[in-house]
Amino acid sequence: MAKIVYICFRESNGPIPEMKRNIQRISDLLNPKDAMAAPTQYINQDGIIVGIINPNPIMPIHQTSVCMGDFFEKSLSWWRPLSAVPDGTFALFRGDKDWIELITDVVGTRTIWYIFTKDLLMASTSQRAIVALNKSFEFNTTVIPWLLSSGTLGPGNSWDKRIKPLEAGERLLLNRERWVINEFKEYCCFSHHKTKASSEKELDHVLKKTFKGIGVEGSNWLLPLSGGYDSRAILLFTKKYNIPCITWGTPSSITKEDTDAYVAKKLADSLNLNHRFFSLDESLLPFSAVVEKFLLHGEGRIDHISGYMDGFVVWETLLKNGIKGILRGDEGFGWKPVNSASEVLKKNGIILLSDIWNAKSIHQFHLEAQTLPHWMRQRNNESLASWRDRLYHTFRIPYILAALNDLKLSFVEIVNPLLSRNIISFVRKLPDDLRTDKALFKNLVRSLSPHIPFATKSSTKGRNIIFNQPKIRLFLLNSLESNKILPRVFLDHLHNGYNSDSVQFFNYGSLAFRSHLICEMNRLLINDSKFFKDR
């Protein structure tokens, strides 16, 4: 719901009054035009200025320390720099007269972006906020191949080449006197210490401990319930709270027995919980307006637009109805079976241009080649399954799932109880066979669940269906014609492929949409950098 801007000037006489005025003005830029946004909250103390845009009353705030997210354990010193980091899913900003500390949780469910210069440290949960307040934009061309190939910005990337994201489990510490920053990253390792005999009982204990600490009582929280294991687990461990459930999908999905929508309704009814189905009717808005909202709320970090083709009506409705937050079923219990290095990457959403075209074609298209960062490669003596799950925790969650959460955070707070540090630490000690396909977790959920089948089909439309609609295809083809960012030889190839009926193992529609996102985000961020100059 909120966006945070956290600024520390090196000199005590920094332009704090001007920055305060500017933060107020960018709140109008970042808030949805039709949202009922709360007044921006300011903190100005010890040479630190904090702006909380559209603050949520449930946010932990203490002096110059702010948390966006939730803690799963009580901590009286969560706000104090250098103190122990509580368990939870959050973006944590804390500071005093001596130190500034920025912290992401163990799997990076929230992203903190920052820029550090000789004069200031500026951090935010919004890249656009940093670009606007910094009054300049330097396009990072490294995002081009990553967004084209994977639909993400890629590891360690932001739209502006000077802005950096904190990675999963990372702490940035600024010594204000020396004006030096140090970064500390939690090492992700799967140690295989647990045995099968006691693991299910231990997992049940760890889950109960985590859910005991979440604060979601009352009628202002919802559980998005699918027909799978993850949200069902949350439902089973939060029954005492009587949290209402929602599911969304195409109008026909609620009547199809194998879909998320049908199974979720049946499950909620079996436990006497309130359930509401939202029909994802495609918006009456033109596709260009839907994409504009998609970029406003998600800042172009991800290309997964299929769940938002209603023009965010579901989320706007929840906001207007006074919903404070939702419980998400994001988890890290283990991923799908793999038999090769290429499967490890592909199943984590790590697709390179070289997986689509050969080196000669990439060169002919004048596209920048990609290489995997060293930390993403398989380690010595690391099994495929351990490598797979390590990438899930350090890439898929912070660069795909966190980006998807950003799309919702304009409207509601999000709590991810299955991603607590206690649970993740337990999972990292399991042997490969108990993690693969979430074997241990699924066994536990089945043992606790009513005898209702699990869904086998999604309730939303796939992207291929969306991008092959005539009006949307025409819109994206026209966008390719006017695109000034990508090489013309590549755009011509894409235009010809998308305009034909040829079928490739990759989809021209997705590539056309990703090309449009690149062009539009460049335009949007250039305008953001001029926001104060034009007024």
Protein backbone atom coordinates (compact mmCIF):
# COMPACT_ATOMS: atom_id res chain seq x y z
CA MET A 1 0.00 0.00 0.00
CA ALA A 2 2.71 2.46 1.01
CA LYS A 3 5.87 3.52 -0.78
CA ILE A 4 8.85 4.59 1.29
CA VAL A 5 11.54 7.15 0.49
CA TYR A 6 14.48 7.21 2.91
CA ILE A 7 17.16 9.88 2.55
CA CYS A 8 20.27 10.75 4.52
CA PHE A 9 22.45 13.71 3.58
CA ARG A 10 26.15 13.61 4.37
CA GLU A 11 26.13 17.20 5.56
CA SER A 12 23.73 18.31 8.26
CA ASN A 13 22.79 21.39 6.24
CA GLY A 14 21.56 19.35 3.27
CA PRO A 15 18.48 20.58 1.36
CA ILE A 16 15.96 18.92 3.67
CA PRO A 17 13.13 21.49 3.27
CA GLU A 18 13.34 21.20 -0.53
CA MET A 19 13.39 17.42 -0.37
CA LYS A 20 10.34 17.38 1.88
CA ARG A 21 8.42 19.51 -0.63
CA ASN A 22 9.53 17.28 -3.48
CA ILE A 23 8.45 14.09 -1.71
CA GLN A 24 5.00 15.60 -1.27
CA ARG A 25 4.84 16.37 -4.97
CA ILE A 26 5.93 12.93 -6.16
CA SER A 27 3.23 11.34 -4.03
CA ASP A 28 0.83 12.72 -6.64
CA LEU A 29 3.00 11.11 -9.32
CA LEU A 30 3.15 7.66 -7.72
CA ASN A 31 -0.30 7.21 -6.22
CA PRO A 32 -3.06 5.79 -8.44
CA LYS A 33 -5.19 8.67 -9.67
CA ASP A 34 -8.42 7.12 -8.42
CA ALA A 35 -7.01 5.77 -5.15
CA MET A 36 -8.09 7.00 -1.74
CA ALA A 37 -4.53 7.76 -0.69
CA ALA A 38 -3.73 8.84 2.84
CA PRO A 39 -1.70 12.02 3.33
CA THR A 40 2.06 11.56 3.02
CA GLN A 41 3.74 11.07 6.39
CA TYR A 42 7.11 12.68 7.12
CA ILE A 43 9.86 12.04 9.61
CA ASN A 44 12.71 14.54 9.90
CA GLN A 45 15.22 13.72 12.60
CA ASP A 46 18.99 13.34 13.02
CA GLY A 47 19.62 14.48 9.44
CA ILE A 48 17.35 11.76 8.06
CA ILE A 49 14.20 12.47 6.11
CA VAL A 50 11.62 9.75 5.60
CA GLY A 51 8.61 10.05 3.34
CA ILE A 52 5.86 7.44 3.61
CA ILE A 53 3.59 7.85 0.62
CA ASN A 54 0.06 6.57 1.25
CA PRO A 55 0.96 5.22 4.72
CA ASN A 56 -0.81 2.18 6.10
CA PRO A 57 -1.76 2.49 9.80
CA ILE A 58 -0.46 -1.02 10.53
CA MET A 59 3.13 -0.16 9.46
CA PRO A 60 5.75 -0.44 12.23
CA ILE A 61 7.36 3.02 12.71
CA HIS A 62 9.74 4.11 15.47
CA GLN A 63 11.64 7.43 15.31
CA THR A 64 13.54 7.25 11.98
CA SER A 65 12.99 3.54 11.41
CA VAL A 66 10.21 2.16 9.22
CA CYS A 67 9.19 -1.33 8.15
CA MET A 68 7.15 -2.12 5.07
CA GLY A 69 5.80 -5.61 5.66
CA ASP A 70 5.32 -7.68 8.79
CA PHE A 71 7.24 -9.36 11.62
CA PHE A 72 6.39 -12.89 12.77
CA GLU A 73 7.96 -12.46 16.20
CA LYS A 74 7.96 -9.74 18.81
CA SER A 75 11.07 -7.59 18.81
CA LEU A 76 11.44 -4.55 21.02
CA SER A 77 14.59 -3.44 19.19
CA TRP A 78 13.60 -4.04 15.54
CA TRP A 79 14.11 -0.34 14.87
CA ARG A 80 17.66 -0.06 16.23
CA PRO A 81 20.53 -0.22 13.67
CA LEU A 82 22.94 -3.12 14.21
CA SER A 83 20.43 -5.02 16.36
CA ALA A 84 19.23 -8.53 15.46
CA VAL A 85 16.98 -8.77 12.41
CA PRO A 86 13.50 -10.07 13.33
CA ASP A 87 11.82 -12.85 11.39
CA GLY A 88 9.32 -11.65 8.83
CA THR A 89 8.78 -10.59 5.23
CA PHE A 90 9.68 -6.94 4.82
CA ALA A 91 11.73 -4.07 3.54
CA LEU A 92 13.31 -2.58 6.67
CA PHE A 93 14.78 0.93 6.91
CA ARG A 94 16.37 1.89 10.22
CA GLY A 95 18.68 4.68 11.26
CA ASP A 96 20.01 6.96 13.98
CA LYS A 97 22.61 9.71 14.25
CA ASP A 98 25.46 7.25 13.64
CA TRP A 99 24.18 4.53 11.30
CA ILE A 100 21.76 3.83 8.48
CA GLU A 101 20.77 0.24 7.82
CA LEU A 102 18.70 -1.13 4.93
CA ILE A 103 17.56 -4.77 5.17
CA THR A 104 15.65 -7.21 2.99
CA ASP A 105 14.22 -10.42 4.40
CA VAL A 106 15.82 -13.83 3.87
CA VAL A 107 14.36 -14.33 0.36
CA GLY A 108 13.85 -10.71 -0.71
CA THR A 109 10.05 -10.58 -0.82
CA ARG A 110 10.31 -6.76 -0.95
CA THR A 111 12.89 -4.84 -2.93
CA ILE A 112 14.85 -1.88 -1.62
CA TRP A 113 16.42 0.25 -4.35
CA TYR A 114 19.16 2.71 -3.48
CA ILE A 115 21.64 5.19 -4.87
CA PHE A 116 24.76 6.23 -2.95
CA THR A 117 26.86 9.29 -3.78
CA LYS A 118 29.41 11.47 -2.03
CA ASP A 119 26.54 13.64 -0.81
CA LEU A 120 23.62 11.37 0.01
CA LEU A 121 22.13 7.93 0.43
CA MET A 122 18.69 7.69 -1.13
CA ALA A 123 16.70 4.47 -0.78
CA SER A 124 13.15 3.62 -1.73
CA THR A 125 10.74 0.83 -2.54
CA SER A 126 10.15 2.70 -5.83
CA GLN A 127 12.66 3.20 -8.64
CA ARG A 128 10.51 5.99 -10.05
CA ALA A 129 10.71 7.89 -6.77
CA ILE A 130 14.51 7.82 -6.86
CA VAL A 131 14.65 8.92 -10.51
CA ALA A 132 12.24 11.81 -9.89
CA LEU A 133 13.95 13.02 -6.71
CA ASN A 134 17.40 12.63 -8.27
CA LYS A 135 16.17 14.68 -11.25
CA SER A 136 18.06 12.54 -13.77
CA PHE A 137 17.81 9.21 -15.54
CA GLU A 138 20.52 7.06 -17.10
CA PHE A 139 18.97 4.13 -18.96
CA ASN A 140 20.48 0.75 -18.08
CA THR A 141 20.81 -1.14 -21.37
CA THR A 142 21.56 -4.37 -19.47
CA VAL A 143 17.85 -4.77 -18.77
CA ILE A 144 17.06 -5.08 -22.50
CA PRO A 145 18.25 -8.66 -23.11
CA TRP A 146 16.93 -9.82 -19.72
CA LEU A 147 13.46 -8.39 -20.19
CA LEU A 148 13.26 -9.69 -23.75
CA SER A 149 14.33 -13.21 -22.81
CA SER A 150 12.88 -13.69 -19.32
CA GLY A 151 10.28 -10.97 -18.82
CA THR A 152 12.24 -9.65 -15.79
CA LEU A 153 14.85 -6.94 -15.24
CA GLY A 154 17.40 -9.65 -14.49
CA PRO A 155 19.64 -10.20 -11.45
CA GLY A 156 20.98 -7.04 -9.86
CA ASN A 157 19.46 -4.76 -12.50
CA SER A 158 17.34 -1.65 -12.31
CA TRP A 159 16.06 0.69 -15.02
CA ASP A 160 18.68 3.32 -14.08
CA LYS A 161 22.27 2.04 -14.16
CA ARG A 162 23.13 4.02 -11.00
CA ILE A 163 20.35 2.47 -8.91
CA LYS A 164 21.04 -0.83 -7.20
CA PRO A 165 18.67 -3.33 -5.60
CA LEU A 166 19.44 -5.10 -2.35
CA GLU A 167 19.49 -8.84 -2.93
CA ALA A 168 17.70 -11.48 -0.86
CA GLY A 169 18.88 -11.50 2.75
CA GLU A 170 21.13 -8.48 2.27
CA ARG A 171 21.98 -5.72 4.74
CA LEU A 172 23.47 -2.39 3.70
CA LEU A 173 25.12 -0.49 6.52
CA LEU A 174 26.20 3.16 6.25
CA ASN A 175 28.69 4.58 8.73
CA ARG A 176 27.55 8.20 8.70
CA GLU A 177 30.72 9.63 10.24
CA ARG A 178 33.07 7.95 7.74
CA TRP A 179 30.46 8.00 4.93
CA VAL A 180 31.27 4.44 3.95
CA ILE A 181 28.82 1.65 3.16
CA ASN A 182 29.27 -2.07 3.70
CA GLU A 183 27.01 -4.81 2.37
CA PHE A 184 26.42 -8.12 4.14
CA LYS A 185 24.61 -10.91 2.31
CA GLU A 186 23.17 -14.01 3.93
CA TYR A 187 24.77 -17.10 2.40
CA CYS A 188 22.21 -19.44 0.84
CA CYS A 189 23.21 -23.07 1.25
CA PHE A 190 21.31 -26.37 1.35
CA SER A 191 22.98 -28.56 3.96
CA HIS A 192 20.78 -31.74 4.02
CA HIS A 193 20.94 -32.14 7.80
CA LYS A 194 17.37 -33.34 8.32
CA THR A 195 16.15 -36.91 8.06
CA LYS A 196 12.82 -38.10 6.71
CA ALA A 197 11.69 -39.74 9.94
CA SER A 198 11.17 -36.57 11.97
CA SER A 199 10.87 -33.92 9.25
CA GLU A 200 7.08 -33.81 8.85
CA LYS A 201 6.54 -33.33 12.58
CA GLU A 202 9.24 -30.64 12.66
CA LEU A 203 7.70 -28.85 9.68
CA ASP A 204 4.31 -28.83 11.38
CA HIS A 205 5.94 -27.30 14.48
CA VAL A 206 7.77 -24.61 12.49
CA LEU A 207 4.60 -23.66 10.60
CA LYS A 208 2.56 -23.39 13.79
CA LYS A 209 5.24 -21.20 15.38
CA THR A 210 5.22 -18.83 12.40
CA PHE A 211 1.44 -18.55 12.14
CA LYS A 212 1.19 -17.91 15.86
CA GLY A 213 3.09 -14.67 15.31
CA ILE A 214 1.17 -13.14 12.41
CA GLY A 215 -1.19 -10.30 13.25
CA VAL A 216 -4.15 -10.62 10.89
CA GLU A 217 -7.14 -10.62 13.23
CA GLY A 218 -10.21 -8.70 12.19
CA SER A 219 -12.25 -8.32 9.04
CA ASN A 220 -9.79 -6.23 7.07
CA TRP A 221 -7.61 -9.11 5.87
CA LEU A 222 -8.23 -11.54 3.04
CA LEU A 223 -6.75 -14.82 1.86
CA PRO A 224 -6.51 -15.23 -1.93
CA LEU A 225 -7.39 -18.91 -2.14
CA SER A 226 -6.41 -21.07 -5.10
CA GLY A 227 -6.93 -24.76 -5.59
CA GLY A 228 -3.32 -25.65 -4.83
CA TYR A 229 -1.29 -26.56 -1.77
CA ASP A 230 0.18 -23.20 -0.73
CA SER A 231 -2.89 -21.12 0.01
CA ARG A 232 -4.63 -24.25 1.37
CA ALA A 233 -1.85 -24.56 3.95
CA ILE A 234 -2.39 -20.95 5.02
CA LEU A 235 -6.11 -21.59 5.24
CA LEU A 236 -5.58 -24.62 7.49
CA PHE A 237 -3.15 -22.83 9.83
CA THR A 238 -5.30 -19.68 10.15
CA LYS A 239 -8.75 -21.26 10.60
CA LYS A 240 -9.13 -19.68 14.04
CA TYR A 241 -8.92 -16.18 12.50
CA ASN A 242 -11.88 -16.82 10.14
CA ILE A 243 -10.20 -14.85 7.39
CA PRO A 244 -12.51 -14.34 4.39
CA CYS A 245 -11.28 -15.84 1.11
CA ILE A 246 -11.28 -14.54 -2.44
CA THR A 247 -10.53 -16.13 -5.78
CA TRP A 248 -10.49 -14.61 -9.25
CA GLY A 249 -10.61 -15.98 -12.75
CA THR A 250 -12.42 -16.04 -16.06
CA PRO A 251 -16.24 -16.08 -15.72
CA SER A 252 -16.50 -19.75 -16.71
CA SER A 253 -13.75 -21.03 -14.39
CA ILE A 254 -15.97 -21.11 -11.30
CA THR A 255 -18.03 -23.94 -12.86
CA LYS A 256 -15.12 -26.10 -14.10
CA GLU A 257 -14.30 -28.76 -11.52
CA ASP A 258 -10.52 -28.88 -12.06
CA THR A 259 -9.86 -25.13 -11.85
CA ASP A 260 -8.50 -23.02 -8.98
CA ALA A 261 -11.77 -21.10 -8.71
CA TYR A 262 -14.01 -24.17 -8.40
CA VAL A 263 -11.79 -25.98 -5.90
CA ALA A 264 -11.22 -22.87 -3.77
CA LYS A 265 -14.96 -22.27 -3.40
CA LYS A 266 -15.56 -25.88 -2.42
CA LEU A 267 -12.70 -25.79 0.12
CA ALA A 268 -13.87 -22.56 1.75
CA ASP A 269 -17.44 -23.87 1.98
CA SER A 270 -16.21 -27.06 3.67
CA LEU A 271 -14.65 -24.98 6.45
CA ASN A 272 -17.59 -22.53 6.70
CA LEU A 273 -15.49 -19.56 5.61
CA ASN A 274 -16.70 -16.60 3.58
CA HIS A 275 -15.62 -16.81 -0.04
CA ARG A 276 -16.00 -14.32 -2.87
CA PHE A 277 -15.26 -14.92 -6.54
CA PHE A 278 -14.10 -12.03 -8.72
CA SER A 279 -14.74 -12.46 -12.42
CA LEU A 280 -11.76 -11.26 -14.43
CA ASP A 281 -13.79 -9.80 -17.23
CA GLU A 282 -11.47 -7.99 -19.58
CA SER A 283 -11.48 -4.27 -18.94
CA LEU A 284 -13.60 -1.94 -21.03
CA LEU A 285 -10.52 0.25 -21.06
CA PRO A 286 -8.34 0.10 -24.17
CA PHE A 287 -5.30 -2.17 -23.84
CA SER A 288 -3.04 0.90 -23.79
CA ALA A 289 -4.78 2.12 -20.62
CA VAL A 290 -4.50 -1.32 -18.97
CA VAL A 291 -0.76 -1.35 -19.75
CA GLU A 292 -0.41 2.18 -18.38
CA LYS A 293 -1.87 1.00 -15.06
CA PHE A 294 0.31 -2.10 -15.18
CA LEU A 295 3.42 0.09 -15.44
CA LEU A 296 2.22 2.56 -12.82
CA HIS A 297 1.76 -0.14 -10.20
CA GLY A 298 4.63 -2.46 -11.11
CA GLU A 299 7.23 -0.11 -12.63
CA GLY A 300 7.89 -2.52 -15.50
CA ARG A 301 9.69 -5.17 -13.43
CA ILE A 302 7.72 -8.10 -14.82
CA ASP A 303 5.65 -8.92 -17.93
CA HIS A 304 2.93 -11.07 -16.25
CA ILE A 305 -0.10 -9.00 -17.29
CA SER A 306 -2.65 -11.80 -17.64
CA GLY A 307 -3.96 -11.50 -14.07
CA TYR A 308 -4.53 -7.77 -14.46
CA MET A 309 -6.47 -7.61 -17.73
CA ASP A 310 -9.49 -6.37 -15.77
CA GLY A 311 -7.60 -3.09 -15.36
CA PHE A 312 -6.95 -3.76 -11.63
CA VAL A 313 -10.67 -3.66 -10.83
CA VAL A 314 -10.27 -6.48 -8.28
CA TRP A 315 -7.60 -4.60 -6.34
CA GLU A 316 -9.35 -1.24 -6.61
CA THR A 317 -12.50 -2.88 -5.21
CA LEU A 318 -10.59 -4.31 -2.24
CA LEU A 319 -9.08 -0.91 -1.50
CA LYS A 320 -12.45 0.83 -1.65
CA ASN A 321 -13.92 -1.82 0.65
CA GLY A 322 -11.35 -1.04 3.34
CA ILE A 323 -9.22 -4.17 3.02
CA LYS A 324 -5.86 -3.60 4.71
CA GLY A 325 -3.93 -6.60 3.49
CA ILE A 326 -3.80 -10.12 2.10
CA LEU A 327 -2.03 -13.32 3.03
CA ARG A 328 -0.04 -14.60 0.06
CA GLY A 329 0.91 -18.22 -0.52
CA ASP A 330 4.38 -17.57 -1.96
CA GLU A 331 6.69 -20.29 -0.65
CA GLY A 332 10.09 -21.93 -1.02
CA PHE A 333 9.52 -25.58 -0.09
CA GLY A 334 11.14 -26.94 -3.24
CA TRP A 335 10.61 -26.74 -6.97
CA LYS A 336 9.81 -29.02 -9.89
CA PRO A 337 11.94 -32.06 -10.79
CA VAL A 338 14.97 -31.33 -12.99
CA ASN A 339 17.30 -33.55 -14.99
CA SER A 340 19.72 -31.06 -16.50
CA ALA A 341 21.32 -27.66 -15.97
CA SER A 342 19.10 -26.13 -18.65
CA GLU A 343 16.00 -27.35 -16.79
CA VAL A 344 17.25 -25.79 -13.54
CA LEU A 345 17.45 -22.40 -15.23
CA LYS A 346 14.30 -22.63 -17.32
CA LYS A 347 12.05 -23.78 -14.46
CA ASN A 348 13.24 -20.81 -12.39
CA GLY A 349 12.32 -18.42 -15.21
CA ILE A 350 15.96 -17.83 -16.14
CA ILE A 351 15.87 -17.76 -19.93
CA LEU A 352 18.66 -16.15 -21.96
CA LEU A 353 18.64 -14.81 -25.50
CA SER A 354 20.89 -17.74 -26.38
CA ASP A 355 17.97 -20.03 -25.50
CA ILE A 356 15.92 -18.30 -28.20
CA TRP A 357 18.42 -17.50 -30.95
CA ASN A 358 21.92 -18.60 -31.81
CA ALA A 359 24.89 -16.28 -31.34
CA LYS A 360 24.87 -15.26 -35.00
CA SER A 361 21.25 -14.12 -34.86
CA ILE A 362 21.80 -12.21 -31.60
CA HIS A 363 24.71 -10.42 -33.26
CA GLN A 364 22.65 -9.68 -36.39
CA PHE A 365 19.86 -8.25 -34.25
CA HIS A 366 22.40 -5.95 -32.51
CA LEU A 367 21.29 -7.24 -29.12
CA GLU A 368 23.55 -7.33 -26.10
CA ALA A 369 24.49 -10.85 -25.03
CA GLN A 370 23.96 -12.09 -21.47
CA THR A 371 26.00 -14.09 -19.05
CA LEU A 372 24.92 -15.58 -15.76
CA PRO A 373 26.45 -13.90 -12.72
CA HIS A 374 28.91 -16.17 -10.94
CA TRP A 375 26.61 -16.63 -7.92
CA MET A 376 23.86 -18.06 -10.14
CA ARG A 377 26.03 -20.86 -11.53
CA GLN A 378 26.12 -24.35 -10.10
CA ARG A 379 28.61 -24.70 -7.25
CA ASN A 380 31.12 -27.48 -6.86
CA ASN A 381 29.47 -30.56 -5.32
CA GLU A 382 26.04 -28.90 -5.54
CA SER A 383 23.29 -31.22 -6.74
CA LEU A 384 20.92 -30.12 -9.49
CA ALA A 385 18.05 -30.09 -6.98
CA SER A 386 19.96 -27.94 -4.48
CA TRP A 387 21.04 -25.56 -7.24
CA ARG A 388 17.45 -25.40 -8.47
CA ASP A 389 16.09 -24.45 -5.05
CA ARG A 390 18.92 -22.04 -4.31
CA LEU A 391 18.04 -20.15 -7.49
CA TYR A 392 14.38 -20.27 -6.50
CA HIS A 393 15.24 -18.56 -3.20
CA THR A 394 17.73 -16.06 -4.62
CA PHE A 395 16.29 -15.30 -8.07
CA ARG A 396 12.72 -16.46 -8.58
CA ILE A 397 11.35 -15.07 -5.32
CA PRO A 398 13.17 -11.68 -5.28
CA TYR A 399 13.04 -10.99 -9.03
CA ILE A 400 9.75 -12.58 -10.12
CA LEU A 401 7.46 -13.06 -7.12
CA ALA A 402 8.53 -9.78 -5.48
CA ALA A 403 7.85 -7.97 -8.76
CA LEU A 404 4.37 -9.51 -8.86
CA ASN A 405 3.78 -8.36 -5.27
CA ASP A 406 4.71 -4.82 -6.27
CA LEU A 407 1.69 -4.79 -8.60
CA LYS A 408 -0.61 -5.28 -5.60
CA LEU A 409 1.15 -3.12 -3.02
CA SER A 410 -0.47 0.06 -4.33
CA PHE A 411 -3.72 -1.30 -2.92
CA VAL A 412 -3.05 -3.67 0.01
CA GLU A 413 -0.36 -4.77 2.41
CA ILE A 414 0.99 -8.28 1.80
CA VAL A 415 2.12 -10.88 4.31
CA ASN A 416 3.98 -13.99 3.15
CA PRO A 417 3.97 -16.33 6.17
CA LEU A 418 5.36 -19.35 4.28
CA LEU A 419 8.53 -17.36 3.58
CA SER A 420 9.49 -16.70 7.19
CA ARG A 421 13.16 -17.18 8.05
CA ASN A 422 12.34 -20.06 10.39
CA ILE A 423 10.57 -21.94 7.59
CA ILE A 424 13.21 -21.16 4.95
CA SER A 425 16.02 -22.20 7.32
CA PHE A 426 14.25 -25.49 7.95
CA VAL A 427 13.72 -26.13 4.23
CA ARG A 428 17.41 -25.53 3.49
CA LYS A 429 18.33 -28.42 5.79
CA LEU A 430 16.10 -30.95 4.04
CA PRO A 431 17.45 -33.61 1.68
CA ASP A 432 16.73 -33.12 -2.02
CA ASP A 433 13.97 -35.75 -2.23
CA LEU A 434 11.89 -34.06 0.48
CA ARG A 435 12.10 -30.71 -1.34
CA THR A 436 11.62 -31.84 -4.93
CA ASP A 437 8.08 -31.00 -6.01
CA LYS A 438 7.49 -29.84 -2.41
CA ALA A 439 7.17 -33.50 -1.36
CA LEU A 440 7.36 -33.05 2.43
CA PHE A 441 5.15 -29.97 2.45
CA LYS A 442 2.51 -31.58 0.24
CA ASN A 443 2.39 -34.67 2.45
CA LEU A 444 1.74 -32.50 5.49
CA VAL A 445 -0.96 -30.44 3.78
CA ARG A 446 -2.72 -33.57 2.53
CA SER A 447 -2.71 -35.02 6.04
CA LEU A 448 -4.38 -31.91 7.47
CA SER A 449 -6.76 -31.12 4.61
CA PRO A 450 -10.40 -32.00 4.04
CA HIS A 451 -10.81 -34.63 1.30
CA ILE A 452 -11.20 -32.14 -1.52
CA PRO A 453 -9.14 -32.62 -4.71
CA PHE A 454 -6.45 -30.15 -5.67
CA ALA A 455 -6.85 -28.03 -8.79
CA THR A 456 -5.03 -28.96 -11.98
CA LYS A 457 -5.83 -25.88 -14.11
CA SER A 458 -5.50 -22.12 -13.72
CA SER A 459 -8.54 -19.86 -13.69
CA THR A 460 -6.92 -17.08 -15.73
CA LYS A 461 -6.11 -16.69 -19.40
CA GLY A 462 -2.66 -17.47 -20.70
CA ARG A 463 -0.57 -14.74 -22.29
CA ASN A 464 -0.64 -16.39 -25.71
CA ILE A 465 -4.41 -16.01 -25.84
CA ILE A 466 -4.17 -12.35 -24.81
CA PHE A 467 -1.51 -11.31 -27.30
CA ASN A 468 -3.23 -13.03 -30.21
CA GLN A 469 -6.40 -10.95 -29.84
CA PRO A 470 -6.70 -8.79 -32.99
CA LYS A 471 -6.94 -5.40 -31.22
CA ILE A 472 -4.03 -6.17 -28.92
CA ARG A 473 -1.95 -7.56 -31.76
CA LEU A 474 -2.57 -4.37 -33.79
CA PHE A 475 -1.64 -2.22 -30.80
CA LEU A 476 1.65 -4.05 -30.26
CA LEU A 477 2.51 -4.08 -33.98
CA ASN A 478 2.04 -0.30 -34.06
CA SER A 479 4.20 -0.03 -30.95
CA LEU A 480 7.01 -1.91 -32.71
CA GLU A 481 6.87 0.60 -35.57
CA SER A 482 7.37 3.56 -33.22
CA ASN A 483 9.91 1.94 -30.86
CA LYS A 484 13.09 4.06 -30.74
CA ILE A 485 14.95 2.09 -28.07
CA LEU A 486 15.51 -1.33 -29.62
CA PRO A 487 17.53 -1.98 -32.80
CA ARG A 488 15.44 -1.58 -35.96
CA VAL A 489 16.69 -4.84 -37.46
CA PHE A 490 15.39 -6.70 -34.41
CA LEU A 491 12.07 -4.86 -34.42
CA ASP A 492 11.57 -5.63 -38.12
CA HIS A 493 12.20 -9.33 -37.47
CA LEU A 494 9.77 -9.28 -34.57
CA HIS A 495 7.15 -7.39 -36.58
CA ASN A 496 7.33 -9.89 -39.42
CA GLY A 497 7.11 -12.89 -37.10
CA TYR A 498 4.26 -11.48 -35.00
CA ASN A 499 2.34 -10.40 -38.11
CA SER A 500 2.46 -13.91 -39.58
CA ASP A 501 0.82 -17.15 -38.56
CA SER A 502 4.12 -18.93 -37.99
CA VAL A 503 4.51 -20.87 -34.76
CA GLN A 504 7.84 -20.86 -32.93
CA PHE A 505 8.88 -22.44 -29.64
CA PHE A 506 8.87 -18.93 -28.24
CA ASN A 507 5.99 -16.52 -28.65
CA TYR A 508 6.30 -13.41 -30.79
CA GLY A 509 3.43 -11.81 -28.87
CA SER A 510 5.33 -11.98 -25.58
CA LEU A 511 8.42 -10.51 -27.23
CA ALA A 512 6.35 -7.69 -28.76
CA PHE A 513 4.81 -6.91 -25.37
CA ARG A 514 8.20 -6.96 -23.65
CA SER A 515 9.56 -4.61 -26.33
CA HIS A 516 6.67 -2.27 -25.62
CA LEU A 517 7.40 -2.34 -21.87
CA ILE A 518 11.02 -1.38 -22.50
CA CYS A 519 10.05 1.55 -24.70
CA GLU A 520 7.31 2.79 -22.37
CA MET A 521 9.37 2.54 -19.19
CA ASN A 522 12.18 4.50 -20.82
CA ARG A 523 9.69 7.21 -21.78
CA LEU A 524 8.05 7.19 -18.35
CA LEU A 525 11.34 7.46 -16.45
CA ILE A 526 12.63 10.24 -18.69
CA ASN A 527 9.45 12.16 -17.86
CA ASP A 528 9.92 11.37 -14.16
CA SER A 529 13.44 12.81 -14.27
CA LYS A 530 11.99 16.08 -15.62
CA PHE A 531 9.08 16.15 -13.20
CA PHE A 532 10.40 19.06 -11.14
CA LYS A 533 12.03 20.88 -14.05
CA ASP A 534 8.70 21.09 -15.87
CA ARG A 535 6.94 22.68 -12.91
